[in-house]
Amino acid sequence: MVAKRDDPQYAQVSGYVPKKLALKFKASCTMQETDRSQALERAIALWLEKIDQERDSKTPSTSSS
């Protein structure tokens, strides 16, 4: 199995968040026995899905009657 770091299908994403949020995230991942990369991937996917839904709800429908 190729590590994500060496897999060309993956890219590193980083940023700064408040320390309390980072600590809570790390603790939650540990409690859920979830890899942080998997948790970030899921969080980003959900966030992008929400953005798409919001954008779609603002787009006027073009129904032909």
PDB file of N, CA and C in Angstrom:
ATOM      1  N   MET A   1       0.839  -1.182   0.000  1.00  0.00           N
ATOM      2  CA  MET A   1       0.000   0.000   0.000  1.00  0.00           C
ATOM      3  C   MET A   1       0.887   1.249   0.000  1.00  0.00           C
ATOM      4  N   VAL A   2       0.597   2.171  -0.891  1.00  0.00           N
ATOM      5  CA  VAL A   2       1.364   3.410  -1.006  1.00  0.00           C
ATOM      6  C   VAL A   2       0.846   4.413   0.017  1.00  0.00           C
ATOM      7  N   ALA A   3       1.756   5.051   0.723  1.00  0.00           N
ATOM      8  CA  ALA A   3       1.367   6.091   1.679  1.00  0.00           C
ATOM      9  C   ALA A   3       0.761   7.263   0.918  1.00  0.00           C
ATOM     10  N   LYS A   4      -0.212   7.923   1.526  1.00  0.00           N
ATOM     11  CA  LYS A   4      -0.869   9.063   0.872  1.00  0.00           C
ATOM     12  C   LYS A   4       0.153  10.121   0.472  1.00  0.00           C
ATOM     13  N   ARG A   5       1.168  10.277   1.285  1.00  0.00           N
ATOM     14  CA  ARG A   5       2.221  11.262   1.011  1.00  0.00           C
ATOM     15  C   ARG A   5       2.894  10.985  -0.333  1.00  0.00           C
ATOM     16  N   ASP A   6       3.028   9.706  -0.679  1.00  0.00           N
ATOM     17  CA  ASP A   6       3.704   9.313  -1.915  1.00  0.00           C
ATOM     18  C   ASP A   6       2.739   9.038  -3.061  1.00  0.00           C
ATOM     19  N   ASP A   7       1.442   9.112  -2.794  1.00  0.00           N
ATOM     20  CA  ASP A   7       0.424   8.812  -3.798  1.00  0.00           C
ATOM     21  C   ASP A   7       0.126  10.072  -4.612  1.00  0.00           C
ATOM     22  N   PRO A   8       0.318  10.029  -5.934  1.00  0.00           N
ATOM     23  CA  PRO A   8       0.071  11.218  -6.753  1.00  0.00           C
ATOM     24  C   PRO A   8      -1.401  11.628  -6.811  1.00  0.00           C
ATOM     25  N   GLN A   9      -2.290  10.784  -6.314  1.00  0.00           N
ATOM     26  CA  GLN A   9      -3.718  11.102  -6.291  1.00  0.00           C
ATOM     27  C   GLN A   9      -4.098  11.962  -5.088  1.00  0.00           C
ATOM     28  N   TYR A  10      -3.138  12.237  -4.211  1.00  0.00           N
ATOM     29  CA  TYR A  10      -3.391  13.027  -3.004  1.00  0.00           C
ATOM     30  C   TYR A  10      -2.528  14.280  -2.998  1.00  0.00           C
ATOM     31  N   ALA A  11      -3.048  15.341  -2.381  1.00  0.00           N
ATOM     32  CA  ALA A  11      -2.302  16.593  -2.216  1.00  0.00           C
ATOM     33  C   ALA A  11      -2.428  17.034  -0.762  1.00  0.00           C
ATOM     34  N   GLN A  12      -1.402  17.684  -0.256  1.00  0.00           N
ATOM     35  CA  GLN A  12      -1.428  18.170   1.117  1.00  0.00           C
ATOM     36  C   GLN A  12      -2.159  19.500   1.180  1.00  0.00           C
ATOM     37  N   VAL A  13      -3.017  19.639   2.185  1.00  0.00           N
ATOM     38  CA  VAL A  13      -3.748  20.875   2.441  1.00  0.00           C
ATOM     39  C   VAL A  13      -3.416  21.286   3.865  1.00  0.00           C
ATOM     40  N   SER A  14      -3.100  22.560   4.058  1.00  0.00           N
ATOM     41  CA  SER A  14      -2.794  23.005   5.418  1.00  0.00           C
ATOM     42  C   SER A  14      -3.318  24.412   5.640  1.00  0.00           C
ATOM     43  N   GLY A  15      -3.450  24.759   6.894  1.00  0.00           N
ATOM     44  CA  GLY A  15      -3.924  26.085   7.257  1.00  0.00           C
ATOM     45  C   GLY A  15      -3.842  26.252   8.763  1.00  0.00           C
ATOM     46  N   TYR A  16      -4.195  27.428   9.222  1.00  0.00           N
ATOM     47  CA  TYR A  16      -4.158  27.720  10.650  1.00  0.00           C
ATOM     48  C   TYR A  16      -5.571  27.872  11.176  1.00  0.00           C
ATOM     49  N   VAL A  17      -5.826  27.216  12.306  1.00  0.00           N
ATOM     50  CA  VAL A  17      -7.114  27.314  12.998  1.00  0.00           C
ATOM     51  C   VAL A  17      -6.821  27.648  14.457  1.00  0.00           C
ATOM     52  N   PRO A  18      -7.813  28.170  15.173  1.00  0.00           N
ATOM     53  CA  PRO A  18      -7.590  28.448  16.593  1.00  0.00           C
ATOM     54  C   PRO A  18      -7.137  27.183  17.334  1.00  0.00           C
ATOM     55  N   LYS A  19      -6.258  27.376  18.303  1.00  0.00           N
ATOM     56  CA  LYS A  19      -5.668  26.253  19.030  1.00  0.00           C
ATOM     57  C   LYS A  19      -6.726  25.361  19.671  1.00  0.00           C
ATOM     58  N   LYS A  20      -7.768  25.965  20.262  1.00  0.00           N
ATOM     59  CA  LYS A  20      -8.820  25.166  20.899  1.00  0.00           C
ATOM     60  C   LYS A  20      -9.504  24.255  19.886  1.00  0.00           C
ATOM     61  N   LEU A  21      -9.734  24.775  18.684  1.00  0.00           N
ATOM     62  CA  LEU A  21     -10.370  23.981  17.635  1.00  0.00           C
ATOM     63  C   LEU A  21      -9.462  22.829  17.218  1.00  0.00           C
ATOM     64  N   ALA A  22      -8.181  23.100  17.085  1.00  0.00           N
ATOM     65  CA  ALA A  22      -7.218  22.061  16.712  1.00  0.00           C
ATOM     66  C   ALA A  22      -7.153  20.965  17.770  1.00  0.00           C
ATOM     67  N   LEU A  23      -7.116  21.360  19.035  1.00  0.00           N
ATOM     68  CA  LEU A  23      -7.058  20.374  20.120  1.00  0.00           C
ATOM     69  C   LEU A  23      -8.323  19.527  20.165  1.00  0.00           C
ATOM     70  N   LYS A  24      -9.464  20.171  19.987  1.00  0.00           N
ATOM     71  CA  LYS A  24     -10.734  19.443  19.991  1.00  0.00           C
ATOM     72  C   LYS A  24     -10.791  18.474  18.806  1.00  0.00           C
ATOM     73  N   PHE A  25     -10.313  18.918  17.639  1.00  0.00           N
ATOM     74  CA  PHE A  25     -10.281  18.071  16.452  1.00  0.00           C
ATOM     75  C   PHE A  25      -9.405  16.841  16.690  1.00  0.00           C
ATOM     76  N   LYS A  26      -8.203  17.054  17.203  1.00  0.00           N
ATOM     77  CA  LYS A  26      -7.282  15.947  17.461  1.00  0.00           C
ATOM     78  C   LYS A  26      -7.863  14.976  18.480  1.00  0.00           C
ATOM     79  N   ALA A  27      -8.451  15.508  19.549  1.00  0.00           N
ATOM     80  CA  ALA A  27      -9.043  14.656  20.584  1.00  0.00           C
ATOM     81  C   ALA A  27     -10.217  13.864  20.023  1.00  0.00           C
ATOM     82  N   SER A  28     -11.044  14.506  19.223  1.00  0.00           N
ATOM     83  CA  SER A  28     -12.199  13.824  18.637  1.00  0.00           C
ATOM     84  C   SER A  28     -11.758  12.715  17.690  1.00  0.00           C
ATOM     85  N   CYS A  29     -10.735  12.976  16.898  1.00  0.00           N
ATOM     86  CA  CYS A  29     -10.210  11.937  16.004  1.00  0.00           C
ATOM     87  C   CYS A  29      -9.713  10.742  16.807  1.00  0.00           C
ATOM     88  N   THR A  30      -9.015  11.020  17.901  1.00  0.00           N
ATOM     89  CA  THR A  30      -8.509   9.949  18.752  1.00  0.00           C
ATOM     90  C   THR A  30      -9.657   9.160  19.363  1.00  0.00           C
ATOM     91  N   MET A  31     -10.663   9.867  19.883  1.00  0.00           N
ATOM     92  CA  MET A  31     -11.804   9.190  20.511  1.00  0.00           C
ATOM     93  C   MET A  31     -12.588   8.355  19.500  1.00  0.00           C
ATOM     94  N   GLN A  32     -12.671   8.833  18.264  1.00  0.00           N
ATOM     95  CA  GLN A  32     -13.405   8.114  17.223  1.00  0.00           C
ATOM     96  C   GLN A  32     -12.520   7.083  16.509  1.00  0.00           C
ATOM     97  N   GLU A  33     -11.254   7.038  16.904  1.00  0.00           N
ATOM     98  CA  GLU A  33     -10.269   6.166  16.262  1.00  0.00           C
ATOM     99  C   GLU A  33     -10.251   6.400  14.754  1.00  0.00           C
ATOM    100  N   THR A  34     -10.232   7.691  14.395  1.00  0.00           N
ATOM    101  CA  THR A  34     -10.242   8.112  12.997  1.00  0.00           C
ATOM    102  C   THR A  34      -8.935   8.806  12.665  1.00  0.00           C
ATOM    103  N   ASP A  35      -8.379   8.486  11.533  1.00  0.00           N
ATOM    104  CA  ASP A  35      -7.184   9.145  11.037  1.00  0.00           C
ATOM    105  C   ASP A  35      -7.515  10.614  10.745  1.00  0.00           C
ATOM    106  N   ARG A  36      -6.643  11.516  11.127  1.00  0.00           N
ATOM    107  CA  ARG A  36      -6.907  12.949  10.921  1.00  0.00           C
ATOM    108  C   ARG A  36      -7.084  13.292   9.443  1.00  0.00           C
ATOM    109  N   SER A  37      -6.321  12.644   8.590  1.00  0.00           N
ATOM    110  CA  SER A  37      -6.466  12.896   7.153  1.00  0.00           C
ATOM    111  C   SER A  37      -7.855  12.501   6.668  1.00  0.00           C
ATOM    112  N   GLN A  38      -8.348  11.368   7.159  1.00  0.00           N
ATOM    113  CA  GLN A  38      -9.693  10.929   6.774  1.00  0.00           C
ATOM    114  C   GLN A  38     -10.746  11.904   7.282  1.00  0.00           C
ATOM    115  N   ALA A  39     -10.574  12.378   8.507  1.00  0.00           N
ATOM    116  CA  ALA A  39     -11.529  13.322   9.086  1.00  0.00           C
ATOM    117  C   ALA A  39     -11.516  14.642   8.316  1.00  0.00           C
ATOM    118  N   LEU A  40     -10.339  15.124   7.957  1.00  0.00           N
ATOM    119  CA  LEU A  40     -10.241  16.358   7.175  1.00  0.00           C
ATOM    120  C   LEU A  40     -10.863  16.182   5.793  1.00  0.00           C
ATOM    121  N   GLU A  41     -10.602  15.043   5.181  1.00  0.00           N
ATOM    122  CA  GLU A  41     -11.174  14.771   3.862  1.00  0.00           C
ATOM    123  C   GLU A  41     -12.697  14.802   3.924  1.00  0.00           C
ATOM    124  N   ARG A  42     -13.250  14.169   4.949  1.00  0.00           N
ATOM    125  CA  ARG A  42     -14.710  14.149   5.107  1.00  0.00           C
ATOM    126  C   ARG A  42     -15.250  15.554   5.389  1.00  0.00           C
ATOM    127  N   ALA A  43     -14.580  16.296   6.261  1.00  0.00           N
ATOM    128  CA  ALA A  43     -15.027  17.652   6.599  1.00  0.00           C
ATOM    129  C   ALA A  43     -14.999  18.565   5.374  1.00  0.00           C
ATOM    130  N   ILE A  44     -13.948  18.481   4.588  1.00  0.00           N
ATOM    131  CA  ILE A  44     -13.849  19.310   3.385  1.00  0.00           C
ATOM    132  C   ILE A  44     -14.919  18.916   2.378  1.00  0.00           C
ATOM    133  N   ALA A  45     -15.126  17.609   2.201  1.00  0.00           N
ATOM    134  CA  ALA A  45     -16.150  17.141   1.264  1.00  0.00           C
ATOM    135  C   ALA A  45     -17.535  17.624   1.681  1.00  0.00           C
ATOM    136  N   LEU A  46     -17.845  17.546   2.979  1.00  0.00           N
ATOM    137  CA  LEU A  46     -19.144  18.018   3.468  1.00  0.00           C
ATOM    138  C   LEU A  46     -19.292  19.522   3.281  1.00  0.00           C
ATOM    139  N   TRP A  47     -18.230  20.263   3.533  1.00  0.00           N
ATOM    140  CA  TRP A  47     -18.259  21.715   3.374  1.00  0.00           C
ATOM    141  C   TRP A  47     -18.501  22.094   1.914  1.00  0.00           C
ATOM    142  N   LEU A  48     -17.801  21.419   0.997  1.00  0.00           N
ATOM    143  CA  LEU A  48     -17.982  21.702  -0.424  1.00  0.00           C
ATOM    144  C   LEU A  48     -19.383  21.322  -0.892  1.00  0.00           C
ATOM    145  N   GLU A  49     -19.900  20.223  -0.363  1.00  0.00           N
ATOM    146  CA  GLU A  49     -21.265  19.800  -0.686  1.00  0.00           C
ATOM    147  C   GLU A  49     -22.267  20.868  -0.242  1.00  0.00           C
ATOM    148  N   LYS A  50     -22.055  21.417   0.943  1.00  0.00           N
ATOM    149  CA  LYS A  50     -22.930  22.471   1.468  1.00  0.00           C
ATOM    150  C   LYS A  50     -22.879  23.706   0.573  1.00  0.00           C
ATOM    151  N   ILE A  51     -21.686  24.078   0.149  1.00  0.00           N
ATOM    152  CA  ILE A  51     -21.531  25.227  -0.740  1.00  0.00           C
ATOM    153  C   ILE A  51     -22.279  24.989  -2.052  1.00  0.00           C
ATOM    154  N   ASP A  52     -22.147  23.782  -2.607  1.00  0.00           N
ATOM    155  CA  ASP A  52     -22.853  23.451  -3.845  1.00  0.00           C
ATOM    156  C   ASP A  52     -24.362  23.551  -3.660  1.00  0.00           C
ATOM    157  N   GLN A  53     -24.868  23.042  -2.536  1.00  0.00           N
ATOM    158  CA  GLN A  53     -26.306  23.092  -2.272  1.00  0.00           C
ATOM    159  C   GLN A  53     -26.778  24.533  -2.133  1.00  0.00           C
ATOM    160  N   GLU A  54     -26.006  25.357  -1.440  1.00  0.00           N
ATOM    161  CA  GLU A  54     -26.365  26.767  -1.274  1.00  0.00           C
ATOM    162  C   GLU A  54     -26.361  27.488  -2.617  1.00  0.00           C
ATOM    163  N   ARG A  55     -25.368  27.192  -3.430  1.00  0.00           N
ATOM    164  CA  ARG A  55     -25.281  27.810  -4.751  1.00  0.00           C
ATOM    165  C   ARG A  55     -26.467  27.379  -5.618  1.00  0.00           C
ATOM    166  N   ASP A  56     -26.793  26.086  -5.579  1.00  0.00           N
ATOM    167  CA  ASP A  56     -27.906  25.569  -6.370  1.00  0.00           C
ATOM    168  C   ASP A  56     -29.236  26.157  -5.931  1.00  0.00           C
ATOM    169  N   SER A  57     -29.386  26.406  -4.628  1.00  0.00           N
ATOM    170  CA  SER A  57     -30.648  26.958  -4.136  1.00  0.00           C
ATOM    171  C   SER A  57     -30.792  28.438  -4.500  1.00  0.00           C
ATOM    172  N   LYS A  58     -29.682  29.109  -4.773  1.00  0.00           N
ATOM    173  CA  LYS A  58     -29.720  30.521  -5.163  1.00  0.00           C
ATOM    174  C   LYS A  58     -29.869  30.699  -6.670  1.00  0.00           C
ATOM    175  N   THR A  59     -29.563  29.648  -7.429  1.00  0.00           N
ATOM    176  CA  THR A  59     -29.656  29.721  -8.877  1.00  0.00           C
ATOM    177  C   THR A  59     -31.114  29.632  -9.296  1.00  0.00           C
ATOM    178  N   PRO A  60     -31.605  30.628 -10.024  1.00  0.00           N
ATOM    179  CA  PRO A  60     -33.005  30.565 -10.457  1.00  0.00           C
ATOM    180  C   PRO A  60     -33.218  29.399 -11.414  1.00  0.00           C
ATOM    181  N   SER A  61     -34.302  28.684 -11.183  1.00  0.00           N
ATOM    182  CA  SER A  61     -34.591  27.551 -12.058  1.00  0.00           C
ATOM    183  C   SER A  61     -35.160  28.067 -13.366  1.00  0.00           C
ATOM    184  N   THR A  62     -34.768  27.422 -14.432  1.00  0.00           N
ATOM    185  CA  THR A  62     -35.248  27.813 -15.758  1.00  0.00           C
ATOM    186  C   THR A  62     -36.185  26.740 -16.270  1.00  0.00           C
ATOM    187  N   SER A  63     -37.413  26.798 -15.788  1.00  0.00           N
ATOM    188  CA  SER A  63     -38.387  25.804 -16.227  1.00  0.00           C
ATOM    189  C   SER A  63     -39.127  26.345 -17.437  1.00  0.00           C
ATOM    190  N   SER A  64     -39.265  25.495 -18.427  1.00  0.00           N
ATOM    191  CA  SER A  64     -39.990  25.910 -19.628  1.00  0.00           C
ATOM    192  C   SER A  64     -41.410  25.391 -19.552  1.00  0.00           C
ATOM    193  N   SER A  65     -42.368  26.315 -19.590  1.00  0.00           N
ATOM    194  CA  SER A  65     -43.776  25.935 -19.491  1.00  0.00           C
ATOM    195  C   SER A  65     -44.473  26.174 -20.790  1.00  0.00           C
TER     196      SER A  65
END
